[in-house]
Amino acid sequence: MTEKILEEFNKFRELCLINSEDAIRTAEELQNKSVNHIAFQLIVFGLEEIGKIFVGWYQYNAKETWGKEHYNIPIDDHIKKLFWAIWGPSFAKEKITKKQIVTRK
């Protein structure tokens, strides 16, 4: 991994985090103002932005290159982005089991 490629990916990551923070902050400001449905959508968007970082990292590692064409992460794949936002951080910590995924609390 070259330093330039990592720098480009980190710019992408930073933009996703800024988008996520903006969406979550706006959702907090809208709470209890009779638009909770909009606040909910903003929270989901914020999570998707975090998931997009994981999807982007996977795409980078799969293709071993990074450039503007890789910013084209499937915007319509909301489920994939939400999955990675929720489960992505735990993959590095411990092995994920089927029981963890199907257990409902």
N, C-alpha and C. Protein backbone atom coordinates (compact mmCIF):
# COMPACT_ATOMS: atom_id res chain seq x y z
N MET A 1 0.85 -1.17 0.00
CA MET A 1 0.00 0.00 0.00
C MET A 1 0.89 1.23 0.00
N THR A 2 0.69 2.07 -1.00
CA THR A 2 1.52 3.26 -1.05
C THR A 2 0.94 4.35 -0.17
N GLU A 3 1.80 5.26 0.19
CA GLU A 3 1.37 6.36 1.06
C GLU A 3 0.32 7.22 0.36
N LYS A 4 0.48 7.44 -0.95
CA LYS A 4 -0.48 8.25 -1.70
C LYS A 4 -1.86 7.59 -1.72
N ILE A 5 -1.89 6.30 -1.94
CA ILE A 5 -3.16 5.58 -1.98
C ILE A 5 -3.84 5.64 -0.62
N LEU A 6 -3.08 5.42 0.44
CA LEU A 6 -3.64 5.48 1.78
C LEU A 6 -4.15 6.89 2.09
N GLU A 7 -3.44 7.89 1.65
CA GLU A 7 -3.87 9.28 1.86
C GLU A 7 -5.19 9.55 1.16
N GLU A 8 -5.35 9.05 -0.06
CA GLU A 8 -6.60 9.23 -0.81
C GLU A 8 -7.75 8.52 -0.11
N PHE A 9 -7.51 7.30 0.37
CA PHE A 9 -8.57 6.59 1.08
C PHE A 9 -8.95 7.32 2.36
N ASN A 10 -7.96 7.84 3.07
CA ASN A 10 -8.24 8.56 4.31
C ASN A 10 -9.06 9.83 4.07
N LYS A 11 -8.88 10.48 2.91
CA LYS A 11 -9.71 11.64 2.56
C LYS A 11 -11.16 11.19 2.39
N PHE A 12 -11.34 10.08 1.68
CA PHE A 12 -12.68 9.51 1.49
C PHE A 12 -13.31 9.18 2.85
N ARG A 13 -12.53 8.54 3.72
CA ARG A 13 -13.00 8.17 5.06
C ARG A 13 -13.41 9.40 5.85
N GLU A 14 -12.60 10.43 5.78
CA GLU A 14 -12.90 11.67 6.52
C GLU A 14 -14.20 12.30 6.03
N LEU A 15 -14.41 12.30 4.70
CA LEU A 15 -15.66 12.85 4.16
C LEU A 15 -16.88 12.06 4.65
N CYS A 16 -16.75 10.75 4.68
CA CYS A 16 -17.85 9.91 5.18
C CYS A 16 -18.14 10.22 6.64
N LEU A 17 -17.10 10.36 7.45
CA LEU A 17 -17.29 10.67 8.87
C LEU A 17 -17.92 12.04 9.07
N ILE A 18 -17.52 13.02 8.27
CA ILE A 18 -18.12 14.36 8.36
C ILE A 18 -19.60 14.28 8.01
N ASN A 19 -19.93 13.57 6.92
CA ASN A 19 -21.34 13.41 6.54
C ASN A 19 -22.13 12.75 7.65
N SER A 20 -21.57 11.72 8.25
CA SER A 20 -22.24 11.00 9.32
C SER A 20 -22.47 11.91 10.54
N GLU A 21 -21.44 12.62 10.94
CA GLU A 21 -21.56 13.53 12.09
C GLU A 21 -22.59 14.61 11.83
N ASP A 22 -22.60 15.17 10.63
CA ASP A 22 -23.58 16.21 10.29
C ASP A 22 -25.00 15.66 10.36
N ALA A 23 -25.22 14.46 9.83
CA ALA A 23 -26.55 13.86 9.84
C ALA A 23 -27.01 13.59 11.26
N ILE A 24 -26.13 13.04 12.08
CA ILE A 24 -26.50 12.71 13.46
C ILE A 24 -26.76 13.98 14.26
N ARG A 25 -25.92 14.99 14.09
CA ARG A 25 -26.13 16.25 14.81
C ARG A 25 -27.48 16.89 14.41
N THR A 26 -27.79 16.87 13.13
CA THR A 26 -29.05 17.44 12.67
C THR A 26 -30.23 16.64 13.21
N ALA A 27 -30.10 15.32 13.25
CA ALA A 27 -31.16 14.47 13.80
C ALA A 27 -31.41 14.81 15.27
N GLU A 28 -30.34 15.03 16.02
CA GLU A 28 -30.49 15.41 17.43
C GLU A 28 -31.23 16.74 17.57
N GLU A 29 -30.95 17.68 16.68
CA GLU A 29 -31.62 18.98 16.72
C GLU A 29 -33.10 18.88 16.38
N LEU A 30 -33.46 17.87 15.60
CA LEU A 30 -34.86 17.70 15.18
C LEU A 30 -35.70 16.88 16.15
N GLN A 31 -35.07 16.27 17.13
CA GLN A 31 -35.81 15.45 18.08
C GLN A 31 -36.90 16.26 18.77
N ASN A 32 -38.05 15.60 18.94
CA ASN A 32 -39.20 16.17 19.65
C ASN A 32 -39.71 17.47 19.03
N LYS A 33 -39.59 17.58 17.71
CA LYS A 33 -40.12 18.75 17.00
C LYS A 33 -41.14 18.31 15.96
N SER A 34 -41.82 17.20 16.24
CA SER A 34 -42.85 16.64 15.37
C SER A 34 -42.30 16.18 14.01
N VAL A 35 -41.00 15.93 13.95
CA VAL A 35 -40.41 15.41 12.71
C VAL A 35 -39.45 14.27 13.04
N ASN A 36 -39.84 13.44 14.01
CA ASN A 36 -38.97 12.32 14.39
C ASN A 36 -38.72 11.36 13.24
N HIS A 37 -39.67 11.27 12.31
CA HIS A 37 -39.47 10.40 11.15
C HIS A 37 -38.31 10.90 10.29
N ILE A 38 -38.13 12.19 10.21
CA ILE A 38 -37.00 12.75 9.46
C ILE A 38 -35.71 12.54 10.24
N ALA A 39 -35.77 12.72 11.55
CA ALA A 39 -34.59 12.47 12.39
C ALA A 39 -34.14 11.01 12.25
N PHE A 40 -35.10 10.10 12.22
CA PHE A 40 -34.77 8.69 12.05
C PHE A 40 -34.04 8.45 10.73
N GLN A 41 -34.54 9.05 9.65
CA GLN A 41 -33.90 8.88 8.34
C GLN A 41 -32.48 9.44 8.35
N LEU A 42 -32.27 10.54 9.05
CA LEU A 42 -30.92 11.10 9.14
C LEU A 42 -29.97 10.19 9.91
N ILE A 43 -30.48 9.54 10.95
CA ILE A 43 -29.66 8.59 11.71
C ILE A 43 -29.28 7.41 10.82
N VAL A 44 -30.23 6.92 10.06
CA VAL A 44 -29.95 5.80 9.14
C VAL A 44 -28.90 6.24 8.11
N PHE A 45 -29.05 7.44 7.60
CA PHE A 45 -28.06 7.95 6.64
C PHE A 45 -26.67 8.03 7.30
N GLY A 46 -26.62 8.49 8.53
CA GLY A 46 -25.35 8.56 9.25
C GLY A 46 -24.70 7.20 9.40
N LEU A 47 -25.51 6.19 9.71
CA LEU A 47 -24.98 4.83 9.81
C LEU A 47 -24.48 4.33 8.45
N GLU A 48 -25.21 4.65 7.41
CA GLU A 48 -24.79 4.22 6.07
C GLU A 48 -23.46 4.84 5.68
N GLU A 49 -23.23 6.07 6.07
CA GLU A 49 -21.95 6.71 5.77
C GLU A 49 -20.80 5.97 6.47
N ILE A 50 -21.04 5.50 7.68
CA ILE A 50 -20.01 4.74 8.39
C ILE A 50 -19.81 3.39 7.69
N GLY A 51 -20.89 2.75 7.30
CA GLY A 51 -20.79 1.48 6.58
C GLY A 51 -20.07 1.63 5.25
N LYS A 52 -20.22 2.78 4.61
CA LYS A 52 -19.57 3.03 3.34
C LYS A 52 -18.04 2.99 3.49
N ILE A 53 -17.55 3.37 4.65
CA ILE A 53 -16.10 3.31 4.89
C ILE A 53 -15.63 1.86 4.83
N PHE A 54 -16.36 0.96 5.47
CA PHE A 54 -15.99 -0.46 5.45
C PHE A 54 -16.08 -1.04 4.04
N VAL A 55 -17.15 -0.69 3.32
CA VAL A 55 -17.32 -1.17 1.95
C VAL A 55 -16.17 -0.65 1.09
N GLY A 56 -15.82 0.61 1.26
CA GLY A 56 -14.72 1.20 0.51
C GLY A 56 -13.39 0.53 0.81
N TRP A 57 -13.16 0.22 2.08
CA TRP A 57 -11.92 -0.45 2.46
C TRP A 57 -11.85 -1.84 1.83
N TYR A 58 -12.97 -2.53 1.83
CA TYR A 58 -13.01 -3.85 1.19
C TYR A 58 -12.71 -3.72 -0.30
N GLN A 59 -13.35 -2.75 -0.96
CA GLN A 59 -13.12 -2.57 -2.39
C GLN A 59 -11.66 -2.22 -2.66
N TYR A 60 -11.09 -1.40 -1.82
CA TYR A 60 -9.68 -1.04 -1.98
C TYR A 60 -8.79 -2.27 -1.90
N ASN A 61 -9.01 -3.08 -0.89
CA ASN A 61 -8.18 -4.28 -0.71
C ASN A 61 -8.42 -5.33 -1.79
N ALA A 62 -9.63 -5.38 -2.31
CA ALA A 62 -9.93 -6.37 -3.35
C ALA A 62 -9.26 -5.99 -4.67
N LYS A 63 -9.14 -4.70 -4.95
CA LYS A 63 -8.61 -4.25 -6.23
C LYS A 63 -7.18 -3.73 -6.13
N GLU A 64 -6.72 -3.52 -4.91
CA GLU A 64 -5.38 -3.03 -4.65
C GLU A 64 -5.06 -1.71 -5.34
N THR A 65 -6.09 -0.96 -5.66
CA THR A 65 -5.90 0.38 -6.20
C THR A 65 -6.95 1.28 -5.58
N TRP A 66 -6.71 2.56 -5.66
CA TRP A 66 -7.72 3.49 -5.14
C TRP A 66 -7.68 4.74 -5.99
N GLY A 67 -8.83 5.20 -6.38
CA GLY A 67 -8.92 6.41 -7.17
C GLY A 67 -10.36 6.84 -7.25
N LYS A 68 -10.63 7.87 -8.02
CA LYS A 68 -11.98 8.42 -8.08
C LYS A 68 -13.02 7.40 -8.50
N GLU A 69 -12.64 6.46 -9.36
CA GLU A 69 -13.62 5.46 -9.80
C GLU A 69 -14.08 4.57 -8.65
N HIS A 70 -13.31 4.48 -7.58
CA HIS A 70 -13.70 3.65 -6.44
C HIS A 70 -14.61 4.37 -5.46
N TYR A 71 -14.81 5.67 -5.68
CA TYR A 71 -15.78 6.37 -4.84
C TYR A 71 -17.20 5.95 -5.20
N ASN A 72 -17.34 5.22 -6.28
CA ASN A 72 -18.64 4.80 -6.76
C ASN A 72 -19.12 3.56 -6.01
N ILE A 73 -19.25 3.70 -4.72
CA ILE A 73 -19.77 2.61 -3.90
C ILE A 73 -21.28 2.55 -4.12
N PRO A 74 -21.84 1.35 -4.25
CA PRO A 74 -23.27 1.23 -4.56
C PRO A 74 -24.15 2.00 -3.58
N ILE A 75 -24.62 3.14 -4.00
CA ILE A 75 -25.43 4.00 -3.15
C ILE A 75 -26.77 3.34 -2.84
N ASP A 76 -27.26 2.52 -3.73
CA ASP A 76 -28.57 1.91 -3.53
C ASP A 76 -28.52 0.65 -2.68
N ASP A 77 -27.36 0.21 -2.28
CA ASP A 77 -27.26 -0.99 -1.45
C ASP A 77 -27.25 -0.59 0.03
N HIS A 78 -28.40 -0.14 0.50
CA HIS A 78 -28.53 0.35 1.87
C HIS A 78 -28.30 -0.77 2.89
N ILE A 79 -28.74 -1.95 2.58
CA ILE A 79 -28.60 -3.06 3.52
C ILE A 79 -27.12 -3.38 3.75
N LYS A 80 -26.33 -3.41 2.67
CA LYS A 80 -24.91 -3.71 2.81
C LYS A 80 -24.21 -2.66 3.67
N LYS A 81 -24.52 -1.39 3.43
CA LYS A 81 -23.88 -0.33 4.20
C LYS A 81 -24.30 -0.37 5.67
N LEU A 82 -25.57 -0.64 5.93
CA LEU A 82 -26.02 -0.75 7.33
C LEU A 82 -25.39 -1.96 8.01
N PHE A 83 -25.32 -3.07 7.30
CA PHE A 83 -24.68 -4.26 7.87
C PHE A 83 -23.27 -3.94 8.32
N TRP A 84 -22.48 -3.32 7.45
CA TRP A 84 -21.09 -3.03 7.78
C TRP A 84 -20.97 -1.98 8.88
N ALA A 85 -21.90 -1.04 8.93
CA ALA A 85 -21.85 -0.04 10.00
C ALA A 85 -22.08 -0.68 11.36
N ILE A 86 -22.97 -1.66 11.40
CA ILE A 86 -23.31 -2.30 12.67
C ILE A 86 -22.32 -3.39 13.04
N TRP A 87 -21.97 -4.26 12.09
CA TRP A 87 -21.15 -5.43 12.38
C TRP A 87 -19.66 -5.22 12.10
N GLY A 88 -19.33 -4.31 11.25
CA GLY A 88 -17.93 -4.12 10.85
C GLY A 88 -16.95 -3.96 12.00
N PRO A 89 -17.23 -3.09 12.96
CA PRO A 89 -16.26 -2.91 14.05
C PRO A 89 -16.02 -4.18 14.87
N SER A 90 -17.01 -5.05 14.97
CA SER A 90 -16.85 -6.24 15.80
C SER A 90 -16.04 -7.33 15.11
N PHE A 91 -15.91 -7.27 13.78
CA PHE A 91 -15.16 -8.31 13.07
C PHE A 91 -13.69 -8.34 13.50
N ALA A 92 -13.15 -7.22 13.83
CA ALA A 92 -11.74 -7.17 14.21
C ALA A 92 -11.52 -7.61 15.65
N LYS A 93 -12.56 -7.57 16.47
CA LYS A 93 -12.41 -7.87 17.89
C LYS A 93 -12.51 -9.35 18.21
N GLU A 94 -13.48 -10.02 17.62
CA GLU A 94 -13.71 -11.43 17.94
C GLU A 94 -14.40 -12.10 16.77
N LYS A 95 -14.39 -13.40 16.77
CA LYS A 95 -15.06 -14.17 15.73
C LYS A 95 -16.58 -14.02 15.91
N ILE A 96 -17.27 -13.70 14.82
CA ILE A 96 -18.72 -13.56 14.84
C ILE A 96 -19.33 -14.95 14.69
N THR A 97 -20.28 -15.26 15.56
CA THR A 97 -20.96 -16.55 15.49
C THR A 97 -22.37 -16.38 14.97
N LYS A 98 -22.95 -17.46 14.49
CA LYS A 98 -24.33 -17.42 14.01
C LYS A 98 -25.26 -17.03 15.17
N LYS A 99 -24.95 -17.49 16.37
CA LYS A 99 -25.78 -17.19 17.53
C LYS A 99 -25.84 -15.68 17.78
N GLN A 100 -24.73 -14.98 17.59
CA GLN A 100 -24.72 -13.53 17.78
C GLN A 100 -25.63 -12.83 16.77
N ILE A 101 -25.68 -13.34 15.57
CA ILE A 101 -26.46 -12.70 14.53
C ILE A 101 -27.95 -12.98 14.71
N VAL A 102 -28.34 -14.20 15.06
CA VAL A 102 -29.75 -14.56 15.13
C VAL A 102 -30.38 -14.35 16.51
N THR A 103 -29.59 -14.14 17.54
CA THR A 103 -30.15 -13.95 18.87
C THR A 103 -30.81 -12.59 18.96
N ARG A 104 -32.02 -12.60 19.45
CA ARG A 104 -32.77 -11.35 19.64
C ARG A 104 -32.91 -11.10 21.12
N LYS A 105 -32.63 -9.89 21.51
CA LYS A 105 -32.74 -9.55 22.93
C LYS A 105 -33.96 -8.76 23.23
